[in-house]
Amino acid sequence: MSGGPSAWTSQNTPTAMGTPRRAAGKAVRRGGRSPVRPPSGDHGISVVRSVLRSGSRAGVRFRWRPSPAGRRLRVRSSGSFWSCSWRASFFLLGFLESHRGMRRWNHRIQGKRCRSGSIDSSIGCRHNRYDPQRWNRFRDPRQVAAGESHRYRAGMASNTTATRSPLHDFHLQHGAKMVDYAGWELPLHYGSIGDEHVWTRTSGGLFDVSHMGRLRITGRHARRFLDRVCTRLVRGMAGGQCRYGLICNETGGCLDDVLVYCFADDDYMVVCNGANRVKIVAHFERVKAEEDHRFKMVDQTESTCMCAIQGPKVMELLGAVSTEVPTLKRYRFTVKNVLVMKIIVSRTGYTGEDGVEVILGAKFAKQALGMLLKDVGADDAAVRPVGLGARDSLRMEAGMPLYGHEIDEATDPLSAGLGFAVKLDKGESDAQEGRFIGQDALRKIAGTGSTRKLVGLALEGRRSPRQGMAVLDGDRPVGTVTSGCPSPTLGHPIAMAYVPAEMAKAGETVRIDLGGGTDAKIVDLPFYKRPS
């Protein structure tokens, strides 16, 4: 921090208090955060002045005065005075911002003890009004994101209400039924789930998937670390390439399935399931600490927006905006600079249809949406908004797993039919590739064979199986349904289930316990393949 040892001077300082610099230093060592450098010049001074003005109502006086070293802040509290540069004043703000720092300032400066926690400096000890995000508008967004990640690692939620997507107003404008999903308020449907499903298969659908975790990992050990935690080979990825893989535990169970984006050899992004973001961040931090990996991880989930545009007519529509996007190969992405926006466009999806997934800054989401799809949501629009309900039935028809249903920490990827995303010989021919966590356990499973397999089930009638229902061989339970729904494309109910490996043969008949036995035929996955 600029200002040197003389950044703070004290006059008539009480012995019990010590210098503010000393108190601030202790607060930082005990958990306070040092703020980033403010804008330079008079603008920085005006920003600090506007922030500190509220402190005068709590018995603290701030005054700017010229000095040979430049403009300095004069602080008065309880009959004592301190003088500091405007840069040092931001250090004071970082001290005040922290939970312990607020209590320490309240107790020592104002001579009061806040019995219930943090305070708001403008209203004394009314701690229930303290907002831990109040200073974020003066901080670098990357620092704010890093601070949020720290709270996740500590297992504390940043708030008790569902997080709203940057497209929240758009959803309400189009009559969405909103639900709480993975801690986010997202649209379940806008009308009929079946109609939205069919429209995506025949034309195009817009999905808000901002709840998906987006973790940016950079640094000289970034590639080595990802090869350690991911079942796919990251070392061979080129810039502009995506790769689907899994994060496993030591026993080979699935912690999550992810997409890895490669920007450069030391710059990656991991897209994980929204419900698993806290767990994956904690897992990454634990592996980083235990194995001494050197990299930086920034959680960009809440500072960005992510949406999927899927359907057979999508690439044609996007071709009118960009000639590059329609030429992208599957699992490739490009970064487009449009005005002041940086947009990541990848040819990936979770519906079984062609299309793209788009990641961009949260504050530009609505503007970019209007540029990409000018008539989205109109009655005659080729692309219409689609909710979570249709997204679930679309992924089931495509035979794609959902975490918490087809995969979890007790399920290995080989049993789930995801062997294509596991490189079992990783690190054997090239030591620089490294071995991934859970590799030894999965090699044993591959050697002995999985005891159960994920299969598709086709049913007749109108009733759909639900997760947890028993699969019967006669009257004997032999398996469990993981997902089920009516299939608008096929016209009958479908389901996915785990059954013993010896029974996992297409054409075999089993029964589903729907209150009364219902016949189901085992079929190969996926249920639906888009026309080539």
Protein backbone atom coordinates (compact mmCIF):
# COMPACT_ATOMS: atom_id res chain seq x y z
CA MET A 1 0.00 0.00 0.00
CA SER A 2 1.37 3.40 -0.93
CA GLY A 3 2.03 6.00 1.71
CA GLY A 4 4.90 4.23 3.46
CA PRO A 5 5.38 4.11 7.23
CA SER A 6 4.10 7.67 7.57
CA ALA A 7 0.75 6.96 5.93
CA TRP A 8 -0.88 7.26 9.37
CA THR A 9 -0.04 9.84 12.05
CA SER A 10 -1.66 10.09 15.45
CA GLN A 11 -2.30 12.99 17.81
CA ASN A 12 -3.65 12.55 21.37
CA THR A 13 -4.20 8.87 20.62
CA PRO A 14 -5.55 6.91 23.62
CA THR A 15 -3.17 4.20 24.75
CA ALA A 16 -5.95 1.60 24.78
CA MET A 17 -6.74 2.31 21.17
CA GLY A 18 -3.33 2.39 19.53
CA THR A 19 -3.08 3.72 16.01
CA PRO A 20 -5.81 2.98 13.49
CA ARG A 21 -3.19 1.36 11.29
CA ARG A 22 -2.32 -1.04 14.09
CA ALA A 23 -5.97 -1.83 14.76
CA ALA A 24 -6.66 -2.28 11.06
CA GLY A 25 -3.64 -4.54 10.69
CA LYS A 26 -4.88 -6.77 13.48
CA ALA A 27 -8.32 -6.91 11.91
CA VAL A 28 -6.87 -7.96 8.56
CA ARG A 29 -4.78 -10.67 10.22
CA ARG A 30 -7.92 -11.92 11.98
CA GLY A 31 -10.06 -12.13 8.88
CA GLY A 32 -10.58 -8.61 7.52
CA ARG A 33 -10.16 -7.98 3.79
CA SER A 34 -7.91 -5.35 2.30
CA PRO A 35 -9.79 -3.41 -0.39
CA VAL A 36 -8.51 -2.88 -3.88
CA ARG A 37 -6.91 0.39 -5.00
CA PRO A 38 -9.52 3.06 -5.79
CA PRO A 39 -9.58 5.27 -8.87
CA SER A 40 -6.77 7.80 -8.93
CA GLY A 41 -6.98 11.60 -8.72
CA ASP A 42 -9.85 13.74 -7.54
CA HIS A 43 -12.37 11.10 -8.55
CA GLY A 44 -10.93 8.67 -6.01
CA ILE A 45 -11.08 11.35 -3.33
CA SER A 46 -14.71 12.12 -4.08
CA VAL A 47 -15.61 8.43 -3.92
CA VAL A 48 -13.99 8.00 -0.51
CA ARG A 49 -15.61 11.20 0.75
CA SER A 50 -19.09 10.06 -0.31
CA VAL A 51 -18.63 6.69 1.36
CA LEU A 52 -17.27 8.07 4.61
CA ARG A 53 -19.89 10.79 4.92
CA SER A 54 -22.33 8.37 6.58
CA GLY A 55 -19.80 7.76 9.35
CA SER A 56 -20.40 11.26 10.76
CA ARG A 57 -23.74 10.10 12.07
CA ALA A 58 -22.00 7.45 14.18
CA GLY A 59 -19.73 9.86 16.08
CA VAL A 60 -16.85 9.73 13.61
CA ARG A 61 -15.78 12.91 11.76
CA PHE A 62 -13.94 12.93 8.45
CA ARG A 63 -12.31 15.97 6.83
CA TRP A 64 -10.06 16.37 3.81
CA ARG A 65 -7.14 18.79 4.04
CA PRO A 66 -4.19 19.63 1.75
CA SER A 67 -0.67 18.72 2.82
CA PRO A 68 2.81 18.69 1.21
CA ALA A 69 2.33 14.96 0.52
CA GLY A 70 -1.03 15.53 -1.17
CA ARG A 71 -4.62 15.53 0.00
CA ARG A 72 -5.11 13.60 3.22
CA LEU A 73 -8.06 12.44 5.29
CA ARG A 74 -8.43 13.86 8.82
CA VAL A 75 -10.41 11.58 11.14
CA ARG A 76 -11.85 12.66 14.49
CA SER A 77 -13.48 10.31 16.98
CA SER A 78 -13.92 10.49 20.77
CA GLY A 79 -11.65 13.57 21.01
CA SER A 80 -8.77 12.00 19.07
CA PHE A 81 -7.48 12.83 15.62
CA TRP A 82 -5.81 10.82 12.87
CA SER A 83 -4.59 11.82 9.45
CA CYS A 84 -4.22 9.46 6.50
CA SER A 85 -3.88 9.51 2.72
CA TRP A 86 -6.88 8.63 0.58
CA ARG A 87 -5.25 5.29 -0.27
CA ALA A 88 -4.87 4.49 3.42
CA SER A 89 -8.50 5.47 3.95
CA PHE A 90 -9.52 2.62 1.66
CA PHE A 91 -7.47 0.33 3.90
CA LEU A 92 -9.63 1.62 6.76
CA LEU A 93 -12.74 0.84 4.73
CA GLY A 94 -11.55 -2.74 4.28
CA PHE A 95 -11.09 -2.96 8.04
CA LEU A 96 -14.57 -1.56 8.68
CA GLU A 97 -16.08 -3.85 6.06
CA SER A 98 -15.15 -7.07 7.85
CA HIS A 99 -17.43 -8.52 10.51
CA ARG A 100 -14.79 -8.40 13.24
CA GLY A 101 -13.54 -5.03 12.06
CA MET A 102 -16.99 -3.47 12.48
CA ARG A 103 -17.25 -4.82 16.03
CA ARG A 104 -13.71 -3.73 16.89
CA TRP A 105 -14.31 -0.20 15.57
CA ASN A 106 -17.61 0.04 17.41
CA HIS A 107 -16.13 -1.08 20.72
CA ARG A 108 -12.87 0.89 20.72
CA ILE A 109 -13.75 4.07 18.83
CA GLN A 110 -17.30 4.71 20.01
CA GLY A 111 -16.78 3.15 23.45
CA LYS A 112 -19.70 0.76 22.98
CA ARG A 113 -19.93 -2.99 22.62
CA CYS A 114 -22.38 -4.37 20.08
CA ARG A 115 -23.91 -7.36 21.84
CA SER A 116 -25.34 -9.08 18.78
CA GLY A 117 -22.78 -8.72 16.01
CA SER A 118 -21.93 -6.31 13.22
CA ILE A 119 -23.13 -2.73 12.98
CA ASP A 120 -24.03 -0.22 10.33
CA SER A 121 -21.83 2.84 10.92
CA SER A 122 -24.71 5.17 10.04
CA ILE A 123 -27.04 3.87 12.77
CA GLY A 124 -24.85 2.83 15.68
CA CYS A 125 -25.52 -0.68 17.01
CA ARG A 126 -28.50 -1.61 14.87
CA HIS A 127 -26.65 -4.66 13.60
CA ASN A 128 -29.66 -6.10 11.80
CA ARG A 129 -29.27 -3.39 9.18
CA TYR A 130 -25.63 -4.22 8.36
CA ASP A 131 -25.19 -5.27 4.73
CA PRO A 132 -21.93 -7.16 4.03
CA GLN A 133 -22.23 -6.26 0.33
CA ARG A 134 -22.50 -2.49 0.92
CA TRP A 135 -18.95 -1.70 -0.25
CA ASN A 136 -18.88 -4.03 -3.27
CA ARG A 137 -19.74 -1.29 -5.73
CA PHE A 138 -16.34 0.28 -5.02
CA ARG A 139 -14.42 -2.96 -5.51
CA ASP A 140 -13.16 -4.86 -8.52
CA PRO A 141 -15.81 -7.50 -9.51
CA ARG A 142 -13.10 -10.17 -9.53
CA GLN A 143 -12.32 -9.39 -5.90
CA VAL A 144 -16.02 -9.56 -5.03
CA ALA A 145 -16.29 -12.96 -6.71
CA ALA A 146 -13.25 -14.19 -4.80
CA GLY A 147 -14.87 -13.02 -1.57
CA GLU A 148 -18.02 -14.95 -2.41
CA SER A 149 -15.94 -18.09 -3.02
CA HIS A 150 -14.45 -17.66 0.46
CA ARG A 151 -17.93 -17.75 1.96
CA TYR A 152 -18.72 -20.94 0.06
CA ARG A 153 -15.56 -22.55 1.35
CA ALA A 154 -16.60 -21.61 4.87
CA GLY A 155 -19.99 -23.24 4.27
CA MET A 156 -21.95 -20.03 4.79
CA ALA A 157 -24.70 -18.86 2.44
CA SER A 158 -24.43 -15.28 1.20
CA ASN A 159 -28.17 -14.81 1.68
CA THR A 160 -31.26 -16.77 2.63
CA THR A 161 -33.33 -16.00 -0.48
CA ALA A 162 -33.09 -17.52 -3.94
CA THR A 163 -30.64 -15.82 -6.29
CA ARG A 164 -32.23 -14.09 -9.25
CA SER A 165 -30.95 -14.59 -12.76
CA PRO A 166 -29.89 -11.54 -14.81
CA LEU A 167 -32.85 -12.46 -17.06
CA HIS A 168 -35.37 -12.47 -14.19
CA ASP A 169 -37.37 -9.50 -15.54
CA PHE A 170 -37.44 -11.11 -18.99
CA HIS A 171 -39.01 -14.25 -17.52
CA LEU A 172 -41.71 -12.31 -15.68
CA GLN A 173 -42.42 -10.26 -18.79
CA HIS A 174 -43.17 -13.47 -20.70
CA GLY A 175 -45.41 -14.95 -18.00
CA ALA A 176 -43.05 -17.55 -16.54
CA LYS A 177 -43.98 -19.74 -13.59
CA MET A 178 -40.96 -19.23 -11.31
CA VAL A 179 -39.61 -21.88 -8.94
CA ASP A 180 -36.65 -22.22 -6.58
CA TYR A 181 -34.11 -24.57 -8.16
CA ALA A 182 -30.62 -25.14 -6.72
CA GLY A 183 -30.93 -21.86 -4.80
CA TRP A 184 -31.95 -19.87 -7.90
CA GLU A 185 -35.31 -18.45 -8.92
CA LEU A 186 -35.80 -19.85 -12.43
CA PRO A 187 -38.70 -20.43 -14.85
CA LEU A 188 -40.41 -23.84 -14.70
CA HIS A 189 -42.53 -23.11 -17.76
CA TYR A 190 -44.15 -20.24 -19.66
CA GLY A 191 -47.23 -22.15 -20.77
CA SER A 192 -47.42 -25.83 -21.64
CA ILE A 193 -44.31 -27.91 -20.93
CA GLY A 194 -45.27 -30.25 -23.77
CA ASP A 195 -45.59 -27.39 -26.26
CA GLU A 196 -42.22 -25.95 -25.21
CA HIS A 197 -40.65 -29.39 -25.63
CA VAL A 198 -42.05 -29.87 -29.13
CA TRP A 199 -41.11 -26.32 -30.18
CA THR A 200 -37.49 -26.95 -29.19
CA ARG A 201 -37.42 -30.18 -31.21
CA THR A 202 -38.93 -28.53 -34.30
CA SER A 203 -37.70 -24.92 -34.16
CA GLY A 204 -35.74 -23.43 -31.24
CA GLY A 205 -35.82 -22.78 -27.50
CA LEU A 206 -34.06 -20.32 -25.19
CA PHE A 207 -33.08 -21.71 -21.77
CA ASP A 208 -31.79 -19.68 -18.83
CA VAL A 209 -29.07 -21.82 -17.22
CA SER A 210 -27.42 -19.09 -15.16
CA HIS A 211 -27.55 -21.37 -12.11
CA MET A 212 -24.77 -23.52 -13.58
CA GLY A 213 -21.48 -22.91 -11.77
CA ARG A 214 -18.73 -21.14 -13.74
CA LEU A 215 -15.28 -21.38 -12.16
CA ARG A 216 -12.35 -19.66 -13.90
CA ILE A 217 -9.04 -21.40 -13.14
CA THR A 218 -5.81 -19.71 -14.17
CA GLY A 219 -2.12 -20.07 -13.36
CA ARG A 220 0.91 -22.18 -14.12
CA HIS A 221 -0.54 -25.29 -12.42
CA ALA A 222 -4.07 -24.89 -13.84
CA ARG A 223 -3.72 -27.66 -16.43
CA ARG A 224 -1.94 -30.03 -14.04
CA PHE A 225 -4.62 -29.50 -11.39
CA LEU A 226 -7.51 -30.15 -13.79
CA ASP A 227 -5.85 -33.34 -15.01
CA ARG A 228 -5.72 -34.38 -11.36
CA VAL A 229 -9.42 -33.83 -10.63
CA CYS A 230 -11.00 -34.58 -14.04
CA THR A 231 -11.47 -38.01 -15.64
CA ARG A 232 -10.73 -36.64 -19.13
CA LEU A 233 -7.33 -35.66 -20.47
CA VAL A 234 -6.97 -31.89 -20.18
CA ARG A 235 -3.32 -31.69 -21.24
CA GLY A 236 -4.08 -32.25 -24.91
CA MET A 237 -6.82 -29.62 -25.16
CA ALA A 238 -6.31 -26.72 -27.54
CA GLY A 239 -7.59 -23.18 -27.12
CA GLY A 240 -11.25 -22.96 -28.11
CA GLN A 241 -12.02 -26.58 -27.17
CA CYS A 242 -14.58 -27.91 -24.66
CA ARG A 243 -14.46 -31.35 -23.10
CA TYR A 244 -17.07 -33.24 -21.06
CA GLY A 245 -15.76 -35.07 -18.02
CA LEU A 246 -16.44 -36.07 -14.44
CA ILE A 247 -15.09 -35.16 -11.03
CA CYS A 248 -14.76 -38.32 -8.92
CA ASN A 249 -13.99 -39.17 -5.31
CA GLU A 250 -11.41 -41.73 -4.18
CA THR A 251 -13.88 -44.62 -4.52
CA GLY A 252 -14.80 -43.68 -8.09
CA GLY A 253 -18.15 -42.10 -7.23
CA CYS A 254 -19.28 -39.03 -9.16
CA LEU A 255 -18.97 -35.70 -7.37
CA ASP A 256 -20.26 -33.98 -10.52
CA ASP A 257 -20.16 -33.99 -14.30
CA VAL A 258 -18.59 -30.90 -15.85
CA LEU A 259 -17.59 -29.12 -19.03
CA VAL A 260 -14.01 -27.84 -19.22
CA TYR A 261 -13.33 -24.84 -21.49
CA CYS A 262 -9.72 -24.28 -22.58
CA PHE A 263 -8.75 -20.66 -23.35
CA ALA A 264 -4.99 -21.24 -23.10
CA ASP A 265 -2.58 -23.68 -21.46
CA ASP A 266 -2.88 -21.75 -18.20
CA ASP A 267 -6.48 -20.50 -18.51
CA TYR A 268 -9.57 -22.72 -18.14
CA MET A 269 -13.19 -22.54 -17.07
CA VAL A 270 -15.11 -25.37 -15.40
CA VAL A 271 -18.91 -25.39 -15.78
CA CYS A 272 -20.52 -27.53 -13.08
CA ASN A 273 -24.05 -28.22 -11.87
CA GLY A 274 -25.59 -25.39 -9.88
CA ALA A 275 -26.56 -27.62 -6.95
CA ASN A 276 -22.94 -28.82 -6.66
CA ARG A 277 -21.11 -25.50 -6.95
CA VAL A 278 -20.33 -25.16 -3.22
CA LYS A 279 -19.20 -28.78 -3.02
CA ILE A 280 -16.96 -28.55 -6.09
CA VAL A 281 -15.34 -25.30 -4.92
CA ALA A 282 -14.61 -26.92 -1.54
CA HIS A 283 -13.24 -30.05 -3.24
CA PHE A 284 -10.96 -28.00 -5.50
CA GLU A 285 -9.69 -25.96 -2.56
CA ARG A 286 -8.96 -29.10 -0.55
CA VAL A 287 -7.01 -30.76 -3.38
CA LYS A 288 -5.16 -27.50 -4.05
CA ALA A 289 -4.05 -27.23 -0.42
CA GLU A 290 -3.16 -30.90 0.06
CA GLU A 291 -1.13 -31.25 -3.14
CA ASP A 292 0.35 -27.73 -3.33
CA HIS A 293 -1.07 -26.71 -6.71
CA ARG A 294 -0.44 -23.08 -7.66
CA PHE A 295 -3.39 -21.50 -9.46
CA LYS A 296 -6.13 -18.92 -8.97
CA MET A 297 -9.82 -19.84 -8.92
CA VAL A 298 -12.53 -17.21 -9.33
CA ASP A 299 -16.23 -18.07 -9.09
CA GLN A 300 -17.81 -16.09 -11.94
CA THR A 301 -21.30 -17.58 -11.56
CA GLU A 302 -23.08 -14.52 -10.18
CA SER A 303 -21.13 -11.99 -12.25
CA THR A 304 -22.08 -13.69 -15.53
CA CYS A 305 -25.16 -14.97 -17.29
CA MET A 306 -25.45 -18.30 -19.13
CA CYS A 307 -28.18 -19.33 -21.52
CA ALA A 308 -28.66 -22.14 -24.02
CA ILE A 309 -30.24 -21.67 -27.46
CA GLN A 310 -31.19 -25.09 -28.81
CA GLY A 311 -33.12 -26.39 -31.81
CA PRO A 312 -32.83 -27.27 -35.51
CA LYS A 313 -33.31 -23.66 -36.68
CA VAL A 314 -30.95 -22.01 -34.20
CA MET A 315 -27.73 -22.13 -36.23
CA GLU A 316 -29.48 -20.62 -39.24
CA LEU A 317 -30.74 -17.72 -37.13
CA LEU A 318 -27.35 -17.13 -35.52
CA GLY A 319 -25.77 -17.12 -38.97
CA ALA A 320 -27.48 -13.80 -39.61
CA VAL A 321 -25.55 -12.33 -36.65
CA SER A 322 -22.20 -14.11 -37.01
CA THR A 323 -20.71 -16.10 -39.87
CA GLU A 324 -18.26 -17.79 -37.47
CA VAL A 325 -20.72 -19.39 -35.04
CA PRO A 326 -22.43 -21.74 -37.57
CA THR A 327 -18.99 -23.07 -38.60
CA LEU A 328 -18.08 -24.14 -35.06
CA LYS A 329 -17.62 -27.88 -34.61
CA ARG A 330 -19.23 -29.75 -31.73
CA TYR A 331 -17.53 -29.04 -28.41
CA ARG A 332 -15.73 -25.99 -29.75
CA PHE A 333 -16.21 -22.39 -28.67
CA THR A 334 -15.28 -18.88 -29.69
CA VAL A 335 -15.03 -15.58 -27.84
CA LYS A 336 -16.80 -12.72 -29.62
CA ASN A 337 -16.26 -9.04 -28.84
CA VAL A 338 -19.49 -7.16 -29.54
CA LEU A 339 -19.36 -3.46 -28.65
CA VAL A 340 -18.27 -3.53 -24.99
CA MET A 341 -19.40 -7.13 -24.46
CA LYS A 342 -17.24 -10.25 -24.46
CA ILE A 343 -19.41 -13.26 -25.31
CA ILE A 344 -18.37 -16.93 -25.10
CA VAL A 345 -20.34 -19.05 -27.59
CA SER A 346 -19.90 -22.85 -27.48
CA ARG A 347 -21.52 -25.49 -29.68
CA THR A 348 -22.75 -27.57 -26.77
CA GLY A 349 -26.10 -28.38 -25.20
CA TYR A 350 -28.22 -30.59 -22.96
CA THR A 351 -31.25 -31.31 -25.14
CA GLY A 352 -30.09 -33.66 -27.90
CA GLU A 353 -30.56 -30.87 -30.46
CA ASP A 354 -28.03 -28.72 -32.25
CA GLY A 355 -27.42 -25.30 -30.76
CA VAL A 356 -25.14 -23.20 -28.60
CA GLU A 357 -24.56 -22.17 -25.01
CA VAL A 358 -23.68 -18.53 -24.37
CA ILE A 359 -21.81 -16.98 -21.42
CA LEU A 360 -21.49 -13.22 -20.97
CA GLY A 361 -21.41 -10.50 -18.33
CA ALA A 362 -24.57 -10.32 -16.24
CA LYS A 363 -25.13 -6.61 -16.84
CA PHE A 364 -25.12 -7.11 -20.62
CA ALA A 365 -27.45 -10.14 -20.71
CA LYS A 366 -30.69 -8.42 -21.73
CA GLN A 367 -28.94 -6.21 -24.29
CA ALA A 368 -27.14 -9.16 -25.89
CA LEU A 369 -30.32 -11.23 -25.95
CA GLY A 370 -32.04 -8.51 -27.93
CA MET A 371 -29.16 -8.40 -30.42
CA LEU A 372 -28.94 -12.17 -30.92
CA LEU A 373 -32.66 -12.92 -31.01
CA LYS A 374 -34.62 -9.75 -31.74
CA ASP A 375 -38.06 -11.36 -31.78
CA VAL A 376 -37.58 -13.99 -29.05
CA GLY A 377 -40.83 -14.62 -27.23
CA ALA A 378 -43.06 -13.30 -30.04
CA ASP A 379 -45.93 -15.50 -31.22
CA ASP A 380 -44.27 -16.03 -34.61
CA ALA A 381 -40.70 -16.23 -33.27
CA ALA A 382 -38.53 -19.15 -34.34
CA VAL A 383 -36.94 -19.20 -30.87
CA ARG A 384 -39.14 -19.05 -27.77
CA PRO A 385 -38.30 -19.10 -24.06
CA VAL A 386 -38.41 -22.58 -22.52
CA GLY A 387 -38.45 -23.55 -18.84
CA LEU A 388 -36.86 -26.21 -16.66
CA GLY A 389 -39.74 -28.65 -17.15
CA ALA A 390 -39.15 -29.06 -20.88
CA ARG A 391 -35.38 -29.03 -20.37
CA ASP A 392 -35.74 -32.11 -18.16
CA SER A 393 -37.89 -34.07 -20.63
CA LEU A 394 -35.58 -33.09 -23.51
CA ARG A 395 -32.47 -34.36 -21.72
CA MET A 396 -34.26 -37.61 -20.77
CA GLU A 397 -35.17 -38.31 -24.39
CA ALA A 398 -31.50 -37.68 -25.25
CA GLY A 399 -30.41 -40.14 -22.53
CA MET A 400 -28.34 -37.52 -20.70
CA PRO A 401 -27.72 -37.98 -16.96
CA LEU A 402 -28.81 -35.53 -14.28
CA TYR A 403 -26.82 -35.29 -11.07
CA GLY A 404 -28.81 -36.57 -8.11
CA HIS A 405 -30.73 -38.93 -10.39
CA GLU A 406 -28.52 -40.99 -12.72
CA ILE A 407 -25.21 -40.07 -11.06
CA ASP A 408 -24.17 -39.31 -7.49
CA GLU A 409 -21.32 -39.99 -5.08
CA ALA A 410 -22.35 -43.65 -4.72
CA THR A 411 -22.48 -44.23 -8.50
CA ASP A 412 -19.45 -44.72 -10.73
CA PRO A 413 -19.42 -43.34 -14.30
CA LEU A 414 -18.86 -46.80 -15.86
CA SER A 415 -22.16 -48.09 -14.49
CA ALA A 416 -23.85 -44.89 -15.72
CA GLY A 417 -22.73 -45.50 -19.31
CA LEU A 418 -20.20 -42.65 -19.20
CA GLY A 419 -17.10 -44.71 -19.92
CA PHE A 420 -16.39 -42.51 -22.96
CA ALA A 421 -15.64 -39.64 -20.54
CA VAL A 422 -13.12 -41.63 -18.46
CA LYS A 423 -9.48 -42.12 -19.52
CA LEU A 424 -8.54 -45.17 -17.47
CA ASP A 425 -4.92 -45.26 -18.71
CA LYS A 426 -4.28 -41.62 -17.88
CA GLY A 427 -0.68 -41.01 -16.83
CA GLU A 428 0.63 -44.45 -17.82
CA SER A 429 2.25 -43.63 -21.15
CA ASP A 430 3.07 -40.02 -20.24
CA ALA A 431 3.92 -39.14 -16.65
CA GLN A 432 3.15 -35.47 -17.33
CA GLU A 433 -0.53 -36.32 -17.79
CA GLY A 434 -0.90 -37.28 -14.14
CA ARG A 435 -3.48 -39.63 -12.66
CA PHE A 436 -6.94 -38.49 -11.65
CA ILE A 437 -8.59 -38.98 -8.28
CA GLY A 438 -10.56 -42.25 -8.28
CA GLN A 439 -8.64 -43.75 -11.22
CA ASP A 440 -7.47 -46.84 -9.33
CA ALA A 441 -10.98 -47.59 -8.09
CA LEU A 442 -12.46 -47.25 -11.58
CA ARG A 443 -9.77 -49.52 -13.06
CA LYS A 444 -10.81 -52.22 -10.60
CA ILE A 445 -14.48 -51.79 -11.55
CA ALA A 446 -13.57 -52.00 -15.23
CA GLY A 447 -11.57 -55.16 -14.58
CA THR A 448 -14.30 -57.00 -12.69
CA GLY A 449 -17.23 -55.44 -14.54
CA SER A 450 -20.03 -53.26 -13.17
CA THR A 451 -22.68 -55.06 -11.17
CA ARG A 452 -25.46 -52.80 -12.48
CA LYS A 453 -26.13 -50.76 -15.61
CA LEU A 454 -28.20 -47.74 -16.53
CA VAL A 455 -30.88 -48.62 -19.08
CA GLY A 456 -33.82 -46.98 -20.81
CA LEU A 457 -37.38 -48.13 -20.19
CA ALA A 458 -40.30 -47.67 -22.60
CA LEU A 459 -43.78 -47.97 -21.08
CA GLU A 460 -47.32 -48.09 -22.41
CA GLY A 461 -50.26 -46.15 -21.03
CA ARG A 462 -50.23 -42.65 -19.55
CA ARG A 463 -48.64 -43.04 -16.12
CA SER A 464 -44.98 -42.11 -15.83
CA PRO A 465 -42.51 -43.65 -13.36
CA ARG A 466 -40.79 -41.41 -10.86
CA GLN A 467 -37.40 -41.50 -9.19
CA GLY A 468 -37.14 -44.17 -6.50
CA MET A 469 -39.81 -46.52 -7.86
CA ALA A 470 -38.84 -50.19 -7.87
CA VAL A 471 -38.04 -52.19 -11.01
CA LEU A 472 -39.42 -55.72 -10.62
CA ASP A 473 -38.52 -59.08 -12.12
CA GLY A 474 -41.78 -60.81 -11.43
CA ASP A 475 -42.43 -59.85 -7.82
CA ARG A 476 -38.74 -59.47 -6.94
CA PRO A 477 -37.23 -55.95 -6.79
CA VAL A 478 -34.11 -55.85 -8.96
CA GLY A 479 -33.55 -52.18 -9.68
CA THR A 480 -34.57 -48.57 -9.17
CA VAL A 481 -35.98 -45.87 -11.45
CA THR A 482 -33.79 -42.74 -11.58
CA SER A 483 -35.91 -40.49 -13.86
CA GLY A 484 -39.18 -40.71 -15.74
CA CYS A 485 -41.58 -38.53 -17.74
CA PRO A 486 -44.08 -38.55 -20.59
CA SER A 487 -42.22 -38.25 -23.91
CA PRO A 488 -43.88 -35.66 -26.18
CA THR A 489 -41.70 -36.81 -29.10
CA LEU A 490 -42.34 -40.56 -28.75
CA GLY A 491 -45.90 -40.32 -27.45
CA HIS A 492 -45.49 -42.65 -24.45
CA PRO A 493 -43.84 -42.59 -21.01
CA ILE A 494 -40.11 -43.21 -20.72
CA ALA A 495 -37.74 -43.75 -17.82
CA MET A 496 -34.14 -44.49 -16.93
CA ALA A 497 -33.27 -47.06 -14.29
CA TYR A 498 -30.44 -49.13 -12.85
CA VAL A 499 -30.84 -52.90 -13.22
CA PRO A 500 -28.42 -55.83 -12.71
CA ALA A 501 -25.82 -56.00 -15.48
CA GLU A 502 -27.03 -59.44 -16.62
CA MET A 503 -30.53 -58.02 -17.23
CA ALA A 504 -29.38 -54.93 -19.12
CA LYS A 505 -30.29 -56.23 -22.57
CA ALA A 506 -32.51 -54.44 -25.06
CA GLY A 507 -35.83 -56.23 -25.52
CA GLU A 508 -36.04 -57.65 -21.99
CA THR A 509 -39.31 -56.99 -20.14
CA VAL A 510 -39.52 -55.85 -16.53
CA ARG A 511 -42.26 -54.38 -14.38
CA ILE A 512 -42.48 -51.00 -12.68
CA ASP A 513 -44.20 -50.66 -9.32
CA LEU A 514 -46.65 -47.85 -10.08
CA GLY A 515 -49.02 -48.96 -7.35
CA GLY A 516 -49.87 -51.85 -9.65
CA GLY A 517 -47.39 -53.69 -11.85
CA THR A 518 -46.84 -52.02 -15.24
CA ASP A 519 -44.81 -53.66 -18.00
CA ALA A 520 -41.76 -51.85 -19.35
CA LYS A 521 -39.38 -52.83 -22.12
CA ILE A 522 -35.65 -52.26 -21.79
CA VAL A 523 -34.36 -50.18 -24.71
CA ASP A 524 -31.01 -48.74 -25.72
CA LEU A 525 -30.18 -45.16 -24.82
CA PRO A 526 -30.75 -42.54 -26.06
CA PHE A 527 -34.48 -42.68 -26.74
CA TYR A 528 -34.15 -39.93 -29.36
CA LYS A 529 -31.46 -39.02 -31.89
CA ARG A 530 -31.81 -35.87 -33.94
CA PRO A 531 -31.88 -36.29 -37.71
CA SER A 532 -28.43 -35.89 -39.24
